[in-house]
Amino acid sequence: MAKKKVVENQSVVEYIENITQLPENIPQEGVEEITIAKKLLSLYNLQQICSEIDKIRVVRGELPNEVRDMEDALEGMQTRIEKHKEELEDLKQKIVAQDVKMKEANVLIKRYEEQQNNVRNNREYESLSKEIEYQKLEIQVAEKHKGKFSADIVTKNENIAEFEEKRNEIEEVLTQKKNELTDIIAETKKEEQELIERAEQLKKNVDYRLLNAFERIRNNARNGLAIVLIERDACGGCFSMIPPQRQLDIRLHKKIIVCEACGRIFIDKQLVESQNLLEN
């Protein structure tokens, strides 16, 4: 991947060098110098507009993702609540089943006790006593299961209450996020459109070959910056150190120079400041 990146940067460098070569038949260097400076300023101004558009789209781009994540969280929480309610109903049915089992066991015990009054020998009496003892054990087991199921029901109800509280909190935040997204879209739509129109107007003043290079760099750049200042002797895009001689070449505006590391176009800070002074 790193090798491919270098190749892409080299192709941008070569492309820009080819389109900014000084023709041999131009006698007045001052004319070309002013032209290069104007080209750089046009690109820099275009970059400022594009960066503002990027900021709007980043803000708007994060909110829909947040809304989708919260919608997924809400759906997941609702699914958990429904699952717990199904398990709760199942526990209730199990308790009913244990009650039925205990009732049947008590009926059998009463029947066996009545039969003991009519037995003809000890063997029959002992056999009925074992049946009675077995049914009493069945009742004890059923009571134990019933107690466990009842405790599980209490836990399930607590969990459901907790999940419903969380669901309500998510719903509240989700509603706020949706309203915020709606407001931002309404507020930024007009601003974004105005910036896009300004960018299109600025593009008309840029050489189309240079504009193509600018857009190629922006598409490859992580932060969308295609033209940068030199900050503390380093590239304002990738922070690679720039040799003094290359910095001097950038200040002379003889040709458009790009960073050998990231391919971004350089513009002299003094050139930008002089433009700001003229505007003010």
Protein backbone atom coordinates (compact mmCIF):
# COMPACT_ATOMS: atom_id res chain seq x y z
CA MET A 1 0.00 0.00 0.00
CA ALA A 2 2.86 2.42 0.89
CA LYS A 3 4.55 1.75 -2.46
CA LYS A 4 1.35 2.52 -4.34
CA LYS A 5 1.01 5.81 -2.43
CA VAL A 6 4.49 6.90 -3.45
CA VAL A 7 3.76 6.12 -7.10
CA GLU A 8 0.58 8.19 -6.96
CA ASN A 9 2.44 11.14 -5.39
CA GLN A 10 5.19 10.92 -8.00
CA SER A 11 2.64 10.99 -10.79
CA VAL A 12 1.08 14.13 -9.30
CA VAL A 13 4.49 15.76 -8.99
CA GLU A 14 5.38 14.95 -12.62
CA TYR A 15 1.96 16.09 -13.82
CA ILE A 16 2.24 19.48 -12.10
CA GLU A 17 5.84 19.95 -13.23
CA ASN A 18 4.79 19.30 -16.83
CA ILE A 19 1.95 21.82 -16.79
CA THR A 20 3.95 24.57 -15.09
CA GLN A 21 7.14 24.52 -17.16
CA LEU A 22 8.22 28.00 -18.28
CA PRO A 23 8.00 28.27 -22.06
CA GLU A 24 11.36 29.13 -23.61
CA ASN A 25 9.99 32.01 -25.69
CA ILE A 26 8.73 34.10 -22.75
CA PRO A 27 11.17 37.01 -22.36
CA GLN A 28 9.67 38.64 -19.25
CA GLU A 29 9.97 36.46 -16.20
CA GLY A 30 7.93 38.91 -14.11
CA VAL A 31 4.81 38.19 -16.09
CA GLU A 32 5.07 34.44 -15.49
CA GLU A 33 5.88 35.02 -11.80
CA ILE A 34 2.70 37.01 -11.29
CA THR A 35 0.73 34.35 -13.16
CA ILE A 36 2.04 31.57 -10.92
CA ALA A 37 1.26 33.64 -7.82
CA LYS A 38 -2.27 34.24 -9.04
CA LYS A 39 -2.72 30.56 -9.80
CA LEU A 40 -1.57 29.64 -6.31
CA LEU A 41 -3.88 32.20 -4.71
CA SER A 42 -6.80 30.99 -6.80
CA LEU A 43 -6.14 27.42 -5.65
CA TYR A 44 -5.69 28.54 -2.04
CA ASN A 45 -8.98 30.46 -2.06
CA LEU A 46 -10.69 27.47 -3.63
CA GLN A 47 -9.19 25.26 -0.92
CA GLN A 48 -10.66 27.48 1.81
CA ILE A 49 -14.15 27.16 0.31
CA CYS A 50 -13.77 23.40 -0.16
CA SER A 51 -12.62 23.01 3.44
CA GLU A 52 -15.73 24.86 4.65
CA ILE A 53 -17.89 22.51 2.59
CA ASP A 54 -15.98 19.55 4.04
CA LYS A 55 -16.66 20.78 7.60
CA ILE A 56 -20.39 21.03 6.92
CA ARG A 57 -20.49 17.55 5.46
CA VAL A 58 -18.44 16.10 8.32
CA VAL A 59 -20.82 17.52 10.92
CA ARG A 60 -23.84 16.37 8.97
CA GLY A 61 -22.15 13.08 8.13
CA GLU A 62 -21.58 12.13 11.78
CA LEU A 63 -25.10 12.85 12.95
CA PRO A 64 -26.89 10.41 10.61
CA ASN A 65 -24.45 7.72 11.73
CA GLU A 66 -25.21 8.55 15.36
CA VAL A 67 -28.94 8.42 14.62
CA ARG A 68 -28.58 5.05 12.89
CA ASP A 69 -26.49 3.67 15.76
CA MET A 70 -29.08 4.81 18.29
CA GLU A 71 -31.90 3.35 16.20
CA ASP A 72 -30.02 0.03 16.17
CA ALA A 73 -29.48 0.29 19.94
CA LEU A 74 -33.17 1.03 20.44
CA GLU A 75 -34.18 -1.92 18.29
CA GLY A 76 -31.73 -4.17 20.15
CA MET A 77 -33.07 -3.04 23.52
CA GLN A 78 -36.66 -3.60 22.39
CA THR A 79 -35.71 -7.10 21.22
CA ARG A 80 -34.19 -7.86 24.63
CA ILE A 81 -37.34 -6.64 26.38
CA GLU A 82 -39.57 -8.77 24.17
CA LYS A 83 -37.34 -11.81 24.71
CA HIS A 84 -37.45 -11.33 28.48
CA LYS A 85 -41.23 -10.96 28.38
CA GLU A 86 -41.49 -14.21 26.42
CA GLU A 87 -39.26 -15.92 28.99
CA LEU A 88 -41.41 -14.38 31.73
CA GLU A 89 -44.57 -15.88 30.23
CA ASP A 90 -42.78 -19.22 29.93
CA LEU A 91 -41.87 -19.09 33.63
CA LYS A 92 -45.47 -18.32 34.53
CA GLN A 93 -46.62 -21.33 32.51
CA LYS A 94 -44.07 -23.50 34.28
CA ILE A 95 -45.43 -22.38 37.65
CA VAL A 96 -48.95 -23.25 36.49
CA ALA A 97 -47.64 -26.67 35.43
CA GLN A 98 -46.09 -27.20 38.88
CA ASP A 99 -49.38 -26.19 40.53
CA VAL A 100 -51.20 -28.76 38.38
CA LYS A 101 -48.63 -31.41 39.30
CA MET A 102 -49.03 -30.62 43.02
CA LYS A 103 -52.82 -30.73 42.73
CA GLU A 104 -52.71 -34.11 40.97
CA ALA A 105 -50.28 -35.43 43.58
CA ASN A 106 -52.60 -34.34 46.42
CA VAL A 107 -55.53 -36.05 44.68
CA LEU A 108 -53.52 -39.27 44.42
CA ILE A 109 -52.42 -39.06 48.04
CA LYS A 110 -56.04 -38.72 49.17
CA ARG A 111 -57.04 -41.65 46.97
CA TYR A 112 -54.20 -43.88 48.26
CA GLU A 113 -55.04 -42.98 51.86
CA GLU A 114 -58.64 -44.03 51.28
CA GLN A 115 -57.46 -47.28 49.71
CA GLN A 116 -55.29 -48.00 52.75
CA ASN A 117 -58.47 -48.26 54.81
CA ASN A 118 -59.62 -51.17 52.67
CA VAL A 119 -56.41 -53.19 52.25
CA ARG A 120 -56.37 -56.90 52.92
CA ASN A 121 -52.75 -57.34 53.93
CA ASN A 122 -49.59 -55.50 54.94
CA ARG A 123 -48.04 -55.81 51.48
CA GLU A 124 -50.85 -53.74 49.92
CA TYR A 125 -50.62 -51.23 52.76
CA GLU A 126 -46.85 -50.80 52.30
CA SER A 127 -47.26 -50.50 48.55
CA LEU A 128 -49.81 -47.69 49.00
CA SER A 129 -47.57 -46.04 51.60
CA LYS A 130 -44.70 -45.97 49.07
CA GLU A 131 -46.99 -44.39 46.49
CA ILE A 132 -48.08 -41.79 49.04
CA GLU A 133 -44.43 -41.07 49.92
CA TYR A 134 -43.55 -40.78 46.23
CA GLN A 135 -46.35 -38.26 45.61
CA LYS A 136 -45.22 -36.23 48.63
CA LEU A 137 -41.71 -36.12 47.15
CA GLU A 138 -43.23 -35.00 43.84
CA ILE A 139 -44.97 -32.17 45.71
CA GLN A 140 -41.69 -31.13 47.37
CA VAL A 141 -39.88 -31.13 44.03
CA ALA A 142 -42.71 -29.14 42.45
CA GLU A 143 -42.60 -26.62 45.30
CA LYS A 144 -38.82 -26.29 44.86
CA HIS A 145 -39.21 -25.72 41.10
CA LYS A 146 -42.03 -23.30 41.74
CA GLY A 147 -39.85 -21.33 44.16
CA LYS A 148 -37.02 -21.16 41.60
CA PHE A 149 -39.37 -20.07 38.83
CA SER A 150 -40.87 -17.41 41.11
CA ALA A 151 -37.38 -16.07 41.90
CA ASP A 152 -36.58 -16.04 38.17
CA ILE A 153 -39.80 -14.09 37.54
CA VAL A 154 -38.72 -11.44 40.05
CA THR A 155 -35.32 -11.17 38.32
CA LYS A 156 -36.92 -11.02 34.87
CA ASN A 157 -39.28 -8.26 35.99
CA GLU A 158 -36.34 -6.28 37.37
CA ASN A 159 -34.42 -6.76 34.13
CA ILE A 160 -37.42 -5.72 32.05
CA ALA A 161 -37.86 -2.58 34.17
CA GLU A 162 -34.16 -1.77 33.75
CA PHE A 163 -34.26 -2.37 29.98
CA GLU A 164 -37.41 -0.29 29.60
CA GLU A 165 -35.75 2.57 31.46
CA LYS A 166 -32.73 2.35 29.15
CA ARG A 167 -35.01 2.13 26.12
CA ASN A 168 -36.82 5.29 27.23
CA GLU A 169 -33.48 7.06 27.68
CA ILE A 170 -32.37 5.98 24.19
CA GLU A 171 -35.71 7.11 22.72
CA GLU A 172 -35.31 10.51 24.36
CA VAL A 173 -31.75 11.00 23.09
CA LEU A 174 -32.73 9.65 19.66
CA THR A 175 -35.53 12.18 19.39
CA GLN A 176 -33.08 14.97 20.27
CA LYS A 177 -30.55 13.72 17.70
CA LYS A 178 -33.20 13.49 14.99
CA ASN A 179 -34.37 17.03 15.74
CA GLU A 180 -30.75 18.21 15.75
CA LEU A 181 -30.11 16.53 12.41
CA THR A 182 -33.22 18.09 10.92
CA ASP A 183 -32.15 21.54 12.15
CA ILE A 184 -28.58 21.14 10.87
CA ILE A 185 -29.76 20.00 7.45
CA ALA A 186 -32.11 22.97 7.30
CA GLU A 187 -29.41 25.40 8.48
CA THR A 188 -26.50 24.10 6.41
CA LYS A 189 -28.29 23.30 3.18
CA LYS A 190 -28.43 26.92 2.10
CA GLU A 191 -24.89 27.64 3.34
CA GLU A 192 -23.52 24.57 1.58
CA GLN A 193 -25.23 25.50 -1.67
CA GLU A 194 -23.81 29.03 -1.51
CA LEU A 195 -20.31 27.66 -0.88
CA ILE A 196 -20.64 25.21 -3.76
CA GLU A 197 -21.66 28.06 -6.08
CA ARG A 198 -18.68 30.14 -4.89
CA ALA A 199 -16.36 27.19 -5.46
CA GLU A 200 -17.69 26.73 -8.99
CA GLN A 201 -17.05 30.41 -9.71
CA LEU A 202 -13.48 30.14 -8.40
CA LYS A 203 -12.84 27.03 -10.50
CA LYS A 204 -13.48 29.10 -13.63
CA ASN A 205 -10.39 31.16 -12.80
CA VAL A 206 -8.14 28.10 -12.45
CA ASP A 207 -6.37 26.40 -15.33
CA TYR A 208 -8.28 23.17 -15.94
CA ARG A 209 -5.13 21.04 -15.88
CA LEU A 210 -4.09 22.53 -12.57
CA LEU A 211 -7.66 22.11 -11.31
CA ASN A 212 -7.54 18.42 -12.23
CA ALA A 213 -4.32 18.04 -10.25
CA PHE A 214 -5.86 19.94 -7.33
CA GLU A 215 -8.90 17.66 -7.25
CA ARG A 216 -6.77 14.52 -7.58
CA ILE A 217 -4.71 15.58 -4.56
CA ARG A 218 -7.83 16.45 -2.55
CA ASN A 219 -9.34 13.04 -3.27
CA ASN A 220 -6.18 11.28 -2.09
CA ALA A 221 -5.57 13.54 0.92
CA ARG A 222 -6.99 12.33 4.21
CA ASN A 223 -8.04 15.81 5.35
CA GLY A 224 -8.96 17.10 1.89
CA LEU A 225 -6.09 19.60 1.81
CA ALA A 226 -4.52 19.96 -1.63
CA ILE A 227 -2.62 23.22 -1.12
CA VAL A 228 -0.83 24.00 2.14
CA LEU A 229 1.46 26.51 3.81
CA ILE A 230 4.90 25.71 5.18
CA GLU A 231 4.69 25.61 8.97
CA ARG A 232 7.95 25.57 10.96
CA ASP A 233 9.96 24.47 7.94
CA ALA A 234 7.61 21.53 7.36
CA CYS A 235 4.75 20.66 5.01
CA GLY A 236 1.42 21.80 6.42
CA GLY A 237 -0.17 18.58 5.21
CA CYS A 238 2.17 15.71 6.12
CA PHE A 239 4.66 17.64 8.32
CA SER A 240 7.69 16.45 6.34
CA MET A 241 10.68 18.80 6.62
CA ILE A 242 11.30 21.07 3.62
CA PRO A 243 14.94 21.91 2.69
CA PRO A 244 15.85 25.64 2.78
CA GLN A 245 16.58 25.78 -0.97
CA ARG A 246 13.15 24.33 -1.76
CA GLN A 247 11.54 26.87 0.57
CA LEU A 248 13.32 29.61 -1.33
CA ASP A 249 12.00 28.23 -4.62
CA ILE A 250 8.48 28.26 -3.18
CA ARG A 251 8.81 31.92 -2.16
CA LEU A 252 10.03 32.90 -5.64
CA HIS A 253 6.80 31.66 -7.32
CA LYS A 254 8.71 30.63 -10.45
CA LYS A 255 6.70 27.44 -10.72
CA ILE A 256 4.24 25.39 -8.75
CA ILE A 257 6.04 23.13 -6.31
CA VAL A 258 4.57 20.13 -4.51
CA CYS A 259 5.61 18.14 -1.46
CA GLU A 260 7.74 15.18 -2.44
CA ALA A 261 6.31 13.17 0.45
CA CYS A 262 2.54 13.71 0.13
CA GLY A 263 2.10 15.47 -3.24
CA ARG A 264 0.34 18.57 -1.82
CA ILE A 265 0.90 21.93 -3.51
CA PHE A 266 2.89 24.54 -1.58
CA ILE A 267 1.95 28.20 -1.25
CA ASP A 268 4.08 30.85 0.40
CA LYS A 269 2.66 32.22 3.66
CA GLN A 270 3.71 35.77 2.75
CA LEU A 271 1.74 35.52 -0.50
CA VAL A 272 -1.42 34.61 1.44
CA GLU A 273 -0.82 37.37 3.98
CA SER A 274 -0.31 39.95 1.24
CA GLN A 275 -3.63 38.95 -0.29
CA ASN A 276 -5.33 39.32 3.10
CA LEU A 277 -3.85 42.77 3.53
CA LEU A 278 -5.16 43.85 0.13
CA GLU A 279 -8.61 42.53 0.94
CA ASN A 280 -8.66 44.34 4.30
